[in-house]
Amino acid sequence: MGEESWEVLERARELADRGEEFALATIVWRQAPSSGQTGARALVTADGQVYGFIGGACAEPVVIREAQRVIQSREPQLLFLGTTDPGSSGAVMPEGMVYVPMSCQSEGALQVFVEPVVPVLDLLVVGRSPMVHLLARLAQDLGWNARVTDLPELQPDDVTPRSLVVVATQGHGDEEALELCARARPAFIGLVASQKRGISLMEYLAERGVPRDDLDRVRTPVGLDLGHTSHREIAVAVLAELVQRRAAGEFGPSGSTGEEGAAGIPQPAATSSSIDPVCGMTVTVEAGWSPHMHEHDGTAYHFCCVGCRDRFAADPTSYLTGQEA
């Protein structure tokens, strides 16, 4: 594996440690004269930043667009990037492969495997009962990062914007633990308590000056209603709710528990696409801007490369004839 690939993987570790979701793209096959090389890797963030090299001006915008879709869907995708649909010649496309046309001067082609990278969930359980430790062990069995702490060891730094916090102090410093965790605004916060006890705690903390916005984010009582359960079985109910919320996308880019998403991760910038009027390639446009844009008669046109832009600028009429509705 080349040095560039190692640098990409090191960057991937840094993003994962920060809790940022991204997609990893790997070229698994190439047809010359494509500039991408077999085995080359690049990672794409949710906002379209690229680290590494996956291809030139034709391939990169396509990979970015498809990678952002993979991040949202969390489903890997095998792409065939080329000027000609291999199925049109009678060739059989591998099951699951998606053809993405590229209208470039080059006749090269690429197969790119794009996979989502989702950091493990970070669960902080506050309390000391057997249920607390069982909940942490069950979460660890699912591959989550699960931690247990209690007062007075609990510190503000223990709660991050990515944390899923379950306060289960159950009468042993409930007010202090809940206030500290609520003010830290984690991705999720739940309280193990009866509904009556939960309401009482919320009213008490509001009187102490804890912002209502912070208190409104507390889920109480936390856990799915599984009927009459034992103390240890509460751990199953709590974990079941967390799994349900994760499956619904609340703890990822598509979540909406806060202004920046459920895990404190900035959401992708609004993007759209435009057709290059010279070669017909789809160009990714972010906030009305692309690297190779040109304005003509008050309209912005977007191009896959400098060459297409310059050919258009030299004779716009020849490329716009017949395009108006």
C-alpha atoms as a PDB file:
ATOM      1  CA  MET A   1       0.000   0.000   0.000  1.00  0.00           C
ATOM      2  CA  GLY A   2       1.399   3.384  -1.037  1.00  0.00           C
ATOM      3  CA  GLU A   3       2.305   6.235   1.289  1.00  0.00           C
ATOM      4  CA  GLU A   4      -0.711   8.273   0.164  1.00  0.00           C
ATOM      5  CA  SER A   5      -3.073   5.457   1.161  1.00  0.00           C
ATOM      6  CA  TRP A   6      -1.507   5.314   4.618  1.00  0.00           C
ATOM      7  CA  GLU A   7      -2.029   9.069   4.978  1.00  0.00           C
ATOM      8  CA  VAL A   8      -5.679   8.664   4.023  1.00  0.00           C
ATOM      9  CA  LEU A   9      -6.165   5.931   6.611  1.00  0.00           C
ATOM     10  CA  GLU A  10      -4.467   8.068   9.260  1.00  0.00           C
ATOM     11  CA  ARG A  11      -6.843  10.898   8.413  1.00  0.00           C
ATOM     12  CA  ALA A  12      -9.713   8.417   8.657  1.00  0.00           C
ATOM     13  CA  ARG A  13      -8.643   7.519  12.186  1.00  0.00           C
ATOM     14  CA  GLU A  14      -8.562  11.200  13.152  1.00  0.00           C
ATOM     15  CA  LEU A  15     -12.085  11.763  11.836  1.00  0.00           C
ATOM     16  CA  ALA A  16     -13.379   8.624  13.546  1.00  0.00           C
ATOM     17  CA  ASP A  17     -11.819   9.697  16.850  1.00  0.00           C
ATOM     18  CA  ARG A  18     -13.696  12.996  16.511  1.00  0.00           C
ATOM     19  CA  GLY A  19     -16.905  11.109  15.853  1.00  0.00           C
ATOM     20  CA  GLU A  20     -17.316  12.380  12.297  1.00  0.00           C
ATOM     21  CA  GLU A  21     -18.971  10.121   9.750  1.00  0.00           C
ATOM     22  CA  PHE A  22     -17.394   9.898   6.311  1.00  0.00           C
ATOM     23  CA  ALA A  23     -17.074   7.633   3.295  1.00  0.00           C
ATOM     24  CA  LEU A  24     -13.970   5.762   2.157  1.00  0.00           C
ATOM     25  CA  ALA A  25     -13.602   5.354  -1.634  1.00  0.00           C
ATOM     26  CA  THR A  26     -11.239   2.759  -3.113  1.00  0.00           C
ATOM     27  CA  ILE A  27     -10.476   2.177  -6.791  1.00  0.00           C
ATOM     28  CA  VAL A  28     -10.788  -1.566  -7.358  1.00  0.00           C
ATOM     29  CA  TRP A  29     -10.349  -1.528 -11.158  1.00  0.00           C
ATOM     30  CA  ARG A  30      -9.319   0.942 -13.842  1.00  0.00           C
ATOM     31  CA  GLN A  31      -9.276   1.157 -17.582  1.00  0.00           C
ATOM     32  CA  ALA A  32      -6.564   3.364 -19.093  1.00  0.00           C
ATOM     33  CA  PRO A  33      -6.172   6.246 -19.644  1.00  0.00           C
ATOM     34  CA  SER A  34      -7.991   7.026 -16.394  1.00  0.00           C
ATOM     35  CA  SER A  35      -5.800   9.030 -14.008  1.00  0.00           C
ATOM     36  CA  GLY A  36      -6.970   7.017 -11.006  1.00  0.00           C
ATOM     37  CA  GLN A  37      -4.845   4.029 -10.009  1.00  0.00           C
ATOM     38  CA  THR A  38      -6.037   0.659  -8.733  1.00  0.00           C
ATOM     39  CA  GLY A  39      -5.829   0.578  -4.940  1.00  0.00           C
ATOM     40  CA  ALA A  40      -5.884   4.368  -4.576  1.00  0.00           C
ATOM     41  CA  ARG A  41      -8.020   5.615  -1.698  1.00  0.00           C
ATOM     42  CA  ALA A  42      -9.703   8.843  -0.740  1.00  0.00           C
ATOM     43  CA  LEU A  43     -12.108   9.761   2.004  1.00  0.00           C
ATOM     44  CA  VAL A  44     -15.001  12.145   1.583  1.00  0.00           C
ATOM     45  CA  THR A  45     -16.625  14.014   4.463  1.00  0.00           C
ATOM     46  CA  ALA A  46     -20.309  14.817   4.756  1.00  0.00           C
ATOM     47  CA  ASP A  47     -19.660  18.396   3.611  1.00  0.00           C
ATOM     48  CA  GLY A  48     -17.752  17.246   0.509  1.00  0.00           C
ATOM     49  CA  GLN A  49     -14.133  17.654   1.591  1.00  0.00           C
ATOM     50  CA  VAL A  50     -11.770  15.148  -0.034  1.00  0.00           C
ATOM     51  CA  TYR A  51      -8.552  13.704   1.384  1.00  0.00           C
ATOM     52  CA  GLY A  52      -6.538  11.611  -1.038  1.00  0.00           C
ATOM     53  CA  PHE A  53      -6.740  11.199  -4.808  1.00  0.00           C
ATOM     54  CA  ILE A  54      -9.421   9.125  -6.495  1.00  0.00           C
ATOM     55  CA  GLY A  55      -9.314  10.585 -10.014  1.00  0.00           C
ATOM     56  CA  GLY A  56      -9.206  13.763 -12.040  1.00  0.00           C
ATOM     57  CA  ALA A  57     -11.707  16.505 -12.764  1.00  0.00           C
ATOM     58  CA  CYS A  58     -14.209  14.079 -14.282  1.00  0.00           C
ATOM     59  CA  ALA A  59     -14.172  11.376 -11.614  1.00  0.00           C
ATOM     60  CA  GLU A  60     -13.781  13.385  -8.412  1.00  0.00           C
ATOM     61  CA  PRO A  61     -17.085  15.357  -8.496  1.00  0.00           C
ATOM     62  CA  VAL A  62     -18.990  12.148  -9.234  1.00  0.00           C
ATOM     63  CA  VAL A  63     -17.308  10.282  -6.376  1.00  0.00           C
ATOM     64  CA  ILE A  64     -17.999  13.181  -3.984  1.00  0.00           C
ATOM     65  CA  ARG A  65     -21.700  13.217  -4.895  1.00  0.00           C
ATOM     66  CA  GLU A  66     -22.073   9.444  -4.556  1.00  0.00           C
ATOM     67  CA  ALA A  67     -20.041   9.367  -1.331  1.00  0.00           C
ATOM     68  CA  GLN A  68     -22.344  11.940   0.266  1.00  0.00           C
ATOM     69  CA  ARG A  69     -25.282   9.712  -0.635  1.00  0.00           C
ATOM     70  CA  VAL A  70     -23.513   6.741   0.940  1.00  0.00           C
ATOM     71  CA  ILE A  71     -22.935   8.728   4.144  1.00  0.00           C
ATOM     72  CA  GLN A  72     -26.629   9.532   4.350  1.00  0.00           C
ATOM     73  CA  SER A  73     -27.856   6.019   3.533  1.00  0.00           C
ATOM     74  CA  ARG A  74     -25.049   4.218   5.408  1.00  0.00           C
ATOM     75  CA  GLU A  75     -25.135   1.629   2.614  1.00  0.00           C
ATOM     76  CA  PRO A  76     -21.924   0.792   0.676  1.00  0.00           C
ATOM     77  CA  GLN A  77     -21.972   1.164  -3.088  1.00  0.00           C
ATOM     78  CA  LEU A  78     -19.905  -0.246  -5.955  1.00  0.00           C
ATOM     79  CA  LEU A  79     -19.729   2.279  -8.789  1.00  0.00           C
ATOM     80  CA  PHE A  80     -18.781   1.930 -12.454  1.00  0.00           C
ATOM     81  CA  LEU A  81     -17.621   5.320 -13.773  1.00  0.00           C
ATOM     82  CA  GLY A  82     -17.218   5.528 -17.529  1.00  0.00           C
ATOM     83  CA  THR A  83     -18.289   7.122 -20.782  1.00  0.00           C
ATOM     84  CA  THR A  84     -20.196   4.054 -21.952  1.00  0.00           C
ATOM     85  CA  ASP A  85     -22.667   1.888 -20.058  1.00  0.00           C
ATOM     86  CA  PRO A  86     -21.071  -1.601 -20.072  1.00  0.00           C
ATOM     87  CA  GLY A  87     -24.565  -3.088 -20.220  1.00  0.00           C
ATOM     88  CA  SER A  88     -25.158  -1.452 -23.613  1.00  0.00           C
ATOM     89  CA  SER A  89     -22.592  -3.753 -25.208  1.00  0.00           C
ATOM     90  CA  GLY A  90     -24.182  -6.874 -23.805  1.00  0.00           C
ATOM     91  CA  ALA A  91     -21.768  -7.176 -20.902  1.00  0.00           C
ATOM     92  CA  VAL A  92     -23.274  -8.322 -17.626  1.00  0.00           C
ATOM     93  CA  MET A  93     -22.902  -5.825 -14.791  1.00  0.00           C
ATOM     94  CA  PRO A  94     -22.045  -7.430 -11.440  1.00  0.00           C
ATOM     95  CA  GLU A  95     -25.057  -7.532  -9.151  1.00  0.00           C
ATOM     96  CA  GLY A  96     -25.282  -4.384  -7.075  1.00  0.00           C
ATOM     97  CA  MET A  97     -22.934  -2.309  -9.233  1.00  0.00           C
ATOM     98  CA  VAL A  98     -24.238   1.128 -10.234  1.00  0.00           C
ATOM     99  CA  TYR A  99     -23.313   2.718 -13.560  1.00  0.00           C
ATOM    100  CA  VAL A 100     -22.523   6.434 -13.296  1.00  0.00           C
ATOM    101  CA  PRO A 101     -21.871   8.105 -16.676  1.00  0.00           C
ATOM    102  CA  MET A 102     -18.886  10.405 -17.120  1.00  0.00           C
ATOM    103  CA  SER A 103     -18.798  12.539 -20.254  1.00  0.00           C
ATOM    104  CA  CYS A 104     -15.097  13.279 -20.586  1.00  0.00           C
ATOM    105  CA  GLN A 105     -12.642  13.356 -23.458  1.00  0.00           C
ATOM    106  CA  SER A 106     -10.835  10.402 -21.942  1.00  0.00           C
ATOM    107  CA  GLU A 107     -12.185   6.941 -22.691  1.00  0.00           C
ATOM    108  CA  GLY A 108     -11.016   5.660 -19.325  1.00  0.00           C
ATOM    109  CA  ALA A 109     -13.203   3.975 -16.732  1.00  0.00           C
ATOM    110  CA  LEU A 110     -13.099   3.180 -13.029  1.00  0.00           C
ATOM    111  CA  GLN A 111     -14.766   0.845 -10.582  1.00  0.00           C
ATOM    112  CA  VAL A 112     -14.901   2.478  -7.163  1.00  0.00           C
ATOM    113  CA  PHE A 113     -16.074   0.896  -3.930  1.00  0.00           C
ATOM    114  CA  VAL A 114     -17.530   3.521  -1.592  1.00  0.00           C
ATOM    115  CA  GLU A 115     -18.213   2.482   2.004  1.00  0.00           C
ATOM    116  CA  PRO A 116     -19.609   4.477   4.930  1.00  0.00           C
ATOM    117  CA  VAL A 117     -17.547   4.757   8.101  1.00  0.00           C
ATOM    118  CA  VAL A 118     -19.729   5.206  11.163  1.00  0.00           C
ATOM    119  CA  PRO A 119     -17.949   5.823  14.500  1.00  0.00           C
ATOM    120  CA  VAL A 120     -19.076   3.644  17.375  1.00  0.00           C
ATOM    121  CA  LEU A 121     -21.644   5.119  19.732  1.00  0.00           C
ATOM    122  CA  ASP A 122     -20.378   6.588  22.999  1.00  0.00           C
ATOM    123  CA  LEU A 123     -22.589   5.643  25.944  1.00  0.00           C
ATOM    124  CA  LEU A 124     -22.079   7.162  29.404  1.00  0.00           C
ATOM    125  CA  VAL A 125     -24.098   5.591  32.216  1.00  0.00           C
ATOM    126  CA  VAL A 126     -24.208   7.482  35.497  1.00  0.00           C
ATOM    127  CA  GLY A 127     -25.008   5.506  38.633  1.00  0.00           C
ATOM    128  CA  ARG A 128     -23.886   2.619  40.781  1.00  0.00           C
ATOM    129  CA  SER A 129     -26.602  -0.062  40.714  1.00  0.00           C
ATOM    130  CA  PRO A 130     -26.340  -3.549  39.104  1.00  0.00           C
ATOM    131  CA  MET A 131     -28.619  -2.287  36.319  1.00  0.00           C
ATOM    132  CA  VAL A 132     -26.077   0.403  35.408  1.00  0.00           C
ATOM    133  CA  HIS A 133     -23.263  -2.093  34.959  1.00  0.00           C
ATOM    134  CA  LEU A 134     -25.496  -4.520  33.046  1.00  0.00           C
ATOM    135  CA  LEU A 135     -26.515  -1.739  30.632  1.00  0.00           C
ATOM    136  CA  ALA A 136     -22.855  -0.918  29.973  1.00  0.00           C
ATOM    137  CA  ARG A 137     -21.967  -4.576  29.364  1.00  0.00           C
ATOM    138  CA  LEU A 138     -24.875  -5.064  26.955  1.00  0.00           C
ATOM    139  CA  ALA A 139     -23.868  -1.949  25.020  1.00  0.00           C
ATOM    140  CA  GLN A 140     -20.278  -3.175  24.826  1.00  0.00           C
ATOM    141  CA  ASP A 141     -21.540  -6.462  23.397  1.00  0.00           C
ATOM    142  CA  LEU A 142     -23.044  -4.389  20.565  1.00  0.00           C
ATOM    143  CA  GLY A 143     -19.646  -2.836  19.895  1.00  0.00           C
ATOM    144  CA  TRP A 144     -20.441   0.507  21.527  1.00  0.00           C
ATOM    145  CA  ASN A 145     -18.017   2.455  23.664  1.00  0.00           C
ATOM    146  CA  ALA A 146     -19.717   2.249  27.063  1.00  0.00           C
ATOM    147  CA  ARG A 147     -18.506   3.910  30.267  1.00  0.00           C
ATOM    148  CA  VAL A 148     -19.805   3.922  33.831  1.00  0.00           C
ATOM    149  CA  THR A 149     -19.234   6.710  36.335  1.00  0.00           C
ATOM    150  CA  ASP A 150     -20.943   8.206  39.372  1.00  0.00           C
ATOM    151  CA  LEU A 151     -20.774  11.174  41.694  1.00  0.00           C
ATOM    152  CA  PRO A 152     -18.430  12.626  42.801  1.00  0.00           C
ATOM    153  CA  GLU A 153     -16.204  11.274  39.989  1.00  0.00           C
ATOM    154  CA  LEU A 154     -18.545  12.612  37.273  1.00  0.00           C
ATOM    155  CA  GLN A 155     -16.990  15.639  35.573  1.00  0.00           C
ATOM    156  CA  PRO A 156     -18.219  17.941  32.767  1.00  0.00           C
ATOM    157  CA  ASP A 157     -15.443  16.665  30.484  1.00  0.00           C
ATOM    158  CA  ASP A 158     -16.953  13.168  30.705  1.00  0.00           C
ATOM    159  CA  VAL A 159     -19.885  14.350  28.566  1.00  0.00           C
ATOM    160  CA  THR A 160     -19.166  15.157  24.915  1.00  0.00           C
ATOM    161  CA  PRO A 161     -21.484  16.334  22.111  1.00  0.00           C
ATOM    162  CA  ARG A 162     -21.428  12.718  20.834  1.00  0.00           C
ATOM    163  CA  SER A 163     -22.318  11.105  24.156  1.00  0.00           C
ATOM    164  CA  LEU A 164     -25.516   9.199  24.802  1.00  0.00           C
ATOM    165  CA  VAL A 165     -26.047   9.754  28.525  1.00  0.00           C
ATOM    166  CA  VAL A 166     -28.254   7.684  30.810  1.00  0.00           C
ATOM    167  CA  VAL A 167     -28.602   9.083  34.337  1.00  0.00           C
ATOM    168  CA  ALA A 168     -29.548   6.237  36.674  1.00  0.00           C
ATOM    169  CA  THR A 169     -28.421   7.566  40.034  1.00  0.00           C
ATOM    170  CA  GLN A 170     -31.868   6.728  41.457  1.00  0.00           C
ATOM    171  CA  GLY A 171     -31.862   8.870  44.576  1.00  0.00           C
ATOM    172  CA  HIS A 172     -28.108   9.192  44.997  1.00  0.00           C
ATOM    173  CA  GLY A 173     -27.380  12.722  43.785  1.00  0.00           C
ATOM    174  CA  ASP A 174     -29.989  12.814  41.017  1.00  0.00           C
ATOM    175  CA  GLU A 175     -30.141  16.599  40.923  1.00  0.00           C
ATOM    176  CA  GLU A 176     -26.393  17.170  40.664  1.00  0.00           C
ATOM    177  CA  ALA A 177     -25.822  14.445  38.069  1.00  0.00           C
ATOM    178  CA  LEU A 178     -28.747  15.462  35.889  1.00  0.00           C
ATOM    179  CA  GLU A 179     -27.877  19.174  36.005  1.00  0.00           C
ATOM    180  CA  LEU A 180     -24.242  18.557  35.028  1.00  0.00           C
ATOM    181  CA  CYS A 181     -25.172  16.254  32.144  1.00  0.00           C
ATOM    182  CA  ALA A 182     -28.058  18.399  30.867  1.00  0.00           C
ATOM    183  CA  ARG A 183     -25.940  21.552  30.753  1.00  0.00           C
ATOM    184  CA  ALA A 184     -23.312  19.690  28.700  1.00  0.00           C
ATOM    185  CA  ARG A 185     -25.924  19.101  25.935  1.00  0.00           C
ATOM    186  CA  PRO A 186     -24.968  15.577  24.826  1.00  0.00           C
ATOM    187  CA  ALA A 187     -26.452  13.963  21.722  1.00  0.00           C
ATOM    188  CA  PHE A 188     -29.003  12.199  23.931  1.00  0.00           C
ATOM    189  CA  ILE A 189     -29.848  12.255  27.614  1.00  0.00           C
ATOM    190  CA  GLY A 190     -32.254   9.970  29.408  1.00  0.00           C
ATOM    191  CA  LEU A 191     -33.290   9.665  33.049  1.00  0.00           C
ATOM    192  CA  VAL A 192     -34.128   6.382  34.748  1.00  0.00           C
ATOM    193  CA  ALA A 193     -36.945   7.377  37.112  1.00  0.00           C
ATOM    194  CA  SER A 194     -40.678   7.238  37.467  1.00  0.00           C
ATOM    195  CA  GLN A 195     -42.645   9.806  35.522  1.00  0.00           C
ATOM    196  CA  LYS A 196     -43.604  11.582  38.750  1.00  0.00           C
ATOM    197  CA  ARG A 197     -40.006  11.661  39.967  1.00  0.00           C
ATOM    198  CA  GLY A 198     -38.827  12.909  36.571  1.00  0.00           C
ATOM    199  CA  ILE A 199     -41.286  15.802  36.536  1.00  0.00           C
ATOM    200  CA  SER A 200     -40.275  16.766  40.056  1.00  0.00           C
ATOM    201  CA  LEU A 201     -36.602  16.812  39.100  1.00  0.00           C
ATOM    202  CA  MET A 202     -37.253  18.932  36.012  1.00  0.00           C
ATOM    203  CA  GLU A 203     -39.183  21.503  38.059  1.00  0.00           C
ATOM    204  CA  TYR A 204     -36.482  21.617  40.714  1.00  0.00           C
ATOM    205  CA  LEU A 205     -33.694  22.148  38.158  1.00  0.00           C
ATOM    206  CA  ALA A 206     -35.696  24.828  36.353  1.00  0.00           C
ATOM    207  CA  GLU A 207     -35.968  26.713  39.646  1.00  0.00           C
ATOM    208  CA  ARG A 208     -32.184  26.382  40.012  1.00  0.00           C
ATOM    209  CA  GLY A 209     -31.741  28.194  36.706  1.00  0.00           C
ATOM    210  CA  VAL A 210     -31.023  25.292  34.372  1.00  0.00           C
ATOM    211  CA  PRO A 211     -32.148  26.500  30.896  1.00  0.00           C
ATOM    212  CA  ARG A 212     -35.488  25.086  29.810  1.00  0.00           C
ATOM    213  CA  ASP A 213     -33.993  24.134  26.425  1.00  0.00           C
ATOM    214  CA  ASP A 214     -31.525  21.849  28.194  1.00  0.00           C
ATOM    215  CA  LEU A 215     -34.227  20.260  30.352  1.00  0.00           C
ATOM    216  CA  ASP A 216     -36.582  19.728  27.414  1.00  0.00           C
ATOM    217  CA  ARG A 217     -33.969  17.450  25.843  1.00  0.00           C
ATOM    218  CA  VAL A 218     -34.108  15.014  28.779  1.00  0.00           C
ATOM    219  CA  ARG A 219     -36.050  11.841  27.992  1.00  0.00           C
ATOM    220  CA  THR A 220     -37.850  10.746  31.136  1.00  0.00           C
ATOM    221  CA  PRO A 221     -38.583   8.026  31.872  1.00  0.00           C
ATOM    222  CA  VAL A 222     -36.067   6.559  29.455  1.00  0.00           C
ATOM    223  CA  GLY A 223     -36.572   3.066  28.028  1.00  0.00           C
ATOM    224  CA  LEU A 224     -39.225   1.273  26.025  1.00  0.00           C
ATOM    225  CA  ASP A 225     -42.302   0.194  27.951  1.00  0.00           C
ATOM    226  CA  LEU A 226     -41.774  -3.558  28.318  1.00  0.00           C
ATOM    227  CA  GLY A 227     -44.428  -3.939  31.005  1.00  0.00           C
ATOM    228  CA  HIS A 228     -43.617  -5.036  34.529  1.00  0.00           C
ATOM    229  CA  THR A 229     -39.850  -5.533  34.679  1.00  0.00           C
ATOM    230  CA  SER A 230     -37.242  -6.199  37.327  1.00  0.00           C
ATOM    231  CA  HIS A 231     -34.557  -3.678  38.202  1.00  0.00           C
ATOM    232  CA  ARG A 232     -31.932  -5.378  35.992  1.00  0.00           C
ATOM    233  CA  GLU A 233     -34.402  -5.750  33.134  1.00  0.00           C
ATOM    234  CA  ILE A 234     -34.660  -1.951  32.981  1.00  0.00           C
ATOM    235  CA  ALA A 235     -31.246  -2.111  31.316  1.00  0.00           C
ATOM    236  CA  VAL A 236     -32.813  -4.059  28.431  1.00  0.00           C
ATOM    237  CA  ALA A 237     -35.610  -1.503  28.073  1.00  0.00           C
ATOM    238  CA  VAL A 238     -33.168   1.413  28.008  1.00  0.00           C
ATOM    239  CA  LEU A 239     -30.868  -0.262  25.503  1.00  0.00           C
ATOM    240  CA  ALA A 240     -33.860  -1.158  23.339  1.00  0.00           C
ATOM    241  CA  GLU A 241     -34.843   2.504  23.079  1.00  0.00           C
ATOM    242  CA  LEU A 242     -31.308   3.551  22.217  1.00  0.00           C
ATOM    243  CA  VAL A 243     -31.097   0.880  19.511  1.00  0.00           C
ATOM    244  CA  GLN A 244     -34.468   1.978  18.154  1.00  0.00           C
ATOM    245  CA  ARG A 245     -33.337   5.598  17.972  1.00  0.00           C
ATOM    246  CA  ARG A 246     -30.031   4.652  16.341  1.00  0.00           C
ATOM    247  CA  ALA A 247     -31.866   2.590  13.719  1.00  0.00           C
ATOM    248  CA  ALA A 248     -34.113   5.599  13.027  1.00  0.00           C
ATOM    249  CA  GLY A 249     -31.010   7.672  12.227  1.00  0.00           C
ATOM    250  CA  GLU A 250     -31.106   9.959  15.255  1.00  0.00           C
ATOM    251  CA  PHE A 251     -27.445   9.472  16.123  1.00  0.00           C
ATOM    252  CA  GLY A 252     -25.984  10.308  12.709  1.00  0.00           C
ATOM    253  CA  PRO A 253     -26.002  12.848   9.870  1.00  0.00           C
ATOM    254  CA  SER A 254     -29.746  12.481   9.312  1.00  0.00           C
ATOM    255  CA  GLY A 255     -30.600  13.022  12.991  1.00  0.00           C
ATOM    256  CA  SER A 256     -32.224  16.190  14.238  1.00  0.00           C
ATOM    257  CA  THR A 257     -31.891  16.379  18.015  1.00  0.00           C
ATOM    258  CA  GLY A 258     -29.887  19.598  17.827  1.00  0.00           C
ATOM    259  CA  GLU A 259     -28.923  22.378  15.509  1.00  0.00           C
ATOM    260  CA  GLU A 260     -25.910  20.414  14.295  1.00  0.00           C
ATOM    261  CA  GLY A 261     -27.522  16.977  14.177  1.00  0.00           C
ATOM    262  CA  ALA A 262     -27.874  14.232  16.728  1.00  0.00           C
ATOM    263  CA  ALA A 263     -24.168  13.674  17.234  1.00  0.00           C
ATOM    264  CA  GLY A 264     -23.052  17.306  17.161  1.00  0.00           C
ATOM    265  CA  ILE A 265     -21.771  16.801  13.631  1.00  0.00           C
ATOM    266  CA  PRO A 266     -22.298  19.673  11.181  1.00  0.00           C
ATOM    267  CA  GLN A 267     -24.712  18.722   8.464  1.00  0.00           C
ATOM    268  CA  PRO A 268     -23.615  18.684   4.818  1.00  0.00           C
ATOM    269  CA  ALA A 269     -23.851  22.008   3.038  1.00  0.00           C
ATOM    270  CA  ALA A 270     -26.751  22.275   0.625  1.00  0.00           C
ATOM    271  CA  THR A 271     -25.622  20.964  -2.755  1.00  0.00           C
ATOM    272  CA  SER A 272     -27.193  20.617  -6.158  1.00  0.00           C
ATOM    273  CA  SER A 273     -26.062  19.453  -9.566  1.00  0.00           C
ATOM    274  CA  SER A 274     -25.711  21.043 -12.966  1.00  0.00           C
ATOM    275  CA  ILE A 275     -25.082  19.624 -16.424  1.00  0.00           C
ATOM    276  CA  ASP A 276     -21.905  20.728 -18.172  1.00  0.00           C
ATOM    277  CA  PRO A 277     -23.278  22.159 -21.460  1.00  0.00           C
ATOM    278  CA  VAL A 278     -20.098  21.143 -23.308  1.00  0.00           C
ATOM    279  CA  CYS A 279     -19.625  17.480 -22.398  1.00  0.00           C
ATOM    280  CA  GLY A 280     -22.888  16.647 -20.605  1.00  0.00           C
ATOM    281  CA  MET A 281     -21.233  15.621 -17.348  1.00  0.00           C
ATOM    282  CA  THR A 282     -23.019  16.164 -14.035  1.00  0.00           C
ATOM    283  CA  VAL A 283     -21.194  18.776 -11.926  1.00  0.00           C
ATOM    284  CA  THR A 284     -21.663  19.173  -8.182  1.00  0.00           C
ATOM    285  CA  VAL A 285     -22.623  22.732  -7.191  1.00  0.00           C
ATOM    286  CA  GLU A 286     -22.383  23.899  -3.575  1.00  0.00           C
ATOM    287  CA  ALA A 287     -24.167  27.099  -2.550  1.00  0.00           C
ATOM    288  CA  GLY A 288     -24.273  28.180  -6.186  1.00  0.00           C
ATOM    289  CA  TRP A 289     -20.518  27.715  -6.683  1.00  0.00           C
ATOM    290  CA  SER A 290     -18.288  25.198  -8.460  1.00  0.00           C
ATOM    291  CA  PRO A 291     -14.557  25.304  -9.280  1.00  0.00           C
ATOM    292  CA  HIS A 292     -15.064  25.842 -13.027  1.00  0.00           C
ATOM    293  CA  MET A 293     -18.002  28.174 -13.445  1.00  0.00           C
ATOM    294  CA  HIS A 294     -18.643  30.857 -16.024  1.00  0.00           C
ATOM    295  CA  GLU A 295     -21.329  33.522 -16.196  1.00  0.00           C
ATOM    296  CA  HIS A 296     -23.017  34.311 -19.496  1.00  0.00           C
ATOM    297  CA  ASP A 297     -25.929  36.728 -19.940  1.00  0.00           C
ATOM    298  CA  GLY A 298     -26.527  36.737 -16.182  1.00  0.00           C
ATOM    299  CA  THR A 299     -26.646  32.937 -15.863  1.00  0.00           C
ATOM    300  CA  ALA A 300     -23.973  30.838 -14.143  1.00  0.00           C
ATOM    301  CA  TYR A 301     -22.868  27.707 -15.975  1.00  0.00           C
ATOM    302  CA  HIS A 302     -20.803  24.975 -14.354  1.00  0.00           C
ATOM    303  CA  PHE A 303     -18.155  22.804 -15.996  1.00  0.00           C
ATOM    304  CA  CYS A 304     -16.226  19.668 -15.143  1.00  0.00           C
ATOM    305  CA  CYS A 305     -12.852  21.158 -16.101  1.00  0.00           C
ATOM    306  CA  VAL A 306     -11.067  24.250 -17.384  1.00  0.00           C
ATOM    307  CA  GLY A 307     -11.087  22.933 -20.949  1.00  0.00           C
ATOM    308  CA  CYS A 308     -14.889  22.696 -21.114  1.00  0.00           C
ATOM    309  CA  ARG A 309     -15.246  26.101 -19.516  1.00  0.00           C
ATOM    310  CA  ASP A 310     -12.884  27.758 -21.995  1.00  0.00           C
ATOM    311  CA  ARG A 311     -14.544  26.139 -25.023  1.00  0.00           C
ATOM    312  CA  PHE A 312     -17.918  27.388 -23.806  1.00  0.00           C
ATOM    313  CA  ALA A 313     -16.612  30.895 -23.115  1.00  0.00           C
ATOM    314  CA  ALA A 314     -15.216  31.100 -26.659  1.00  0.00           C
ATOM    315  CA  ASP A 315     -18.574  30.309 -28.288  1.00  0.00           C
ATOM    316  CA  PRO A 316     -21.503  30.040 -25.846  1.00  0.00           C
ATOM    317  CA  THR A 317     -24.181  30.152 -28.531  1.00  0.00           C
ATOM    318  CA  SER A 318     -23.080  26.900 -30.148  1.00  0.00           C
ATOM    319  CA  TYR A 319     -23.576  25.036 -26.859  1.00  0.00           C
ATOM    320  CA  LEU A 320     -26.817  26.723 -25.783  1.00  0.00           C
ATOM    321  CA  THR A 321     -28.760  26.374 -29.037  1.00  0.00           C
ATOM    322  CA  GLY A 322     -31.788  24.195 -28.456  1.00  0.00           C
ATOM    323  CA  GLN A 323     -31.375  24.031 -24.676  1.00  0.00           C
ATOM    324  CA  GLU A 324     -34.134  26.498 -23.857  1.00  0.00           C
ATOM    325  CA  ALA A 325     -37.504  24.991 -23.108  1.00  0.00           C
END
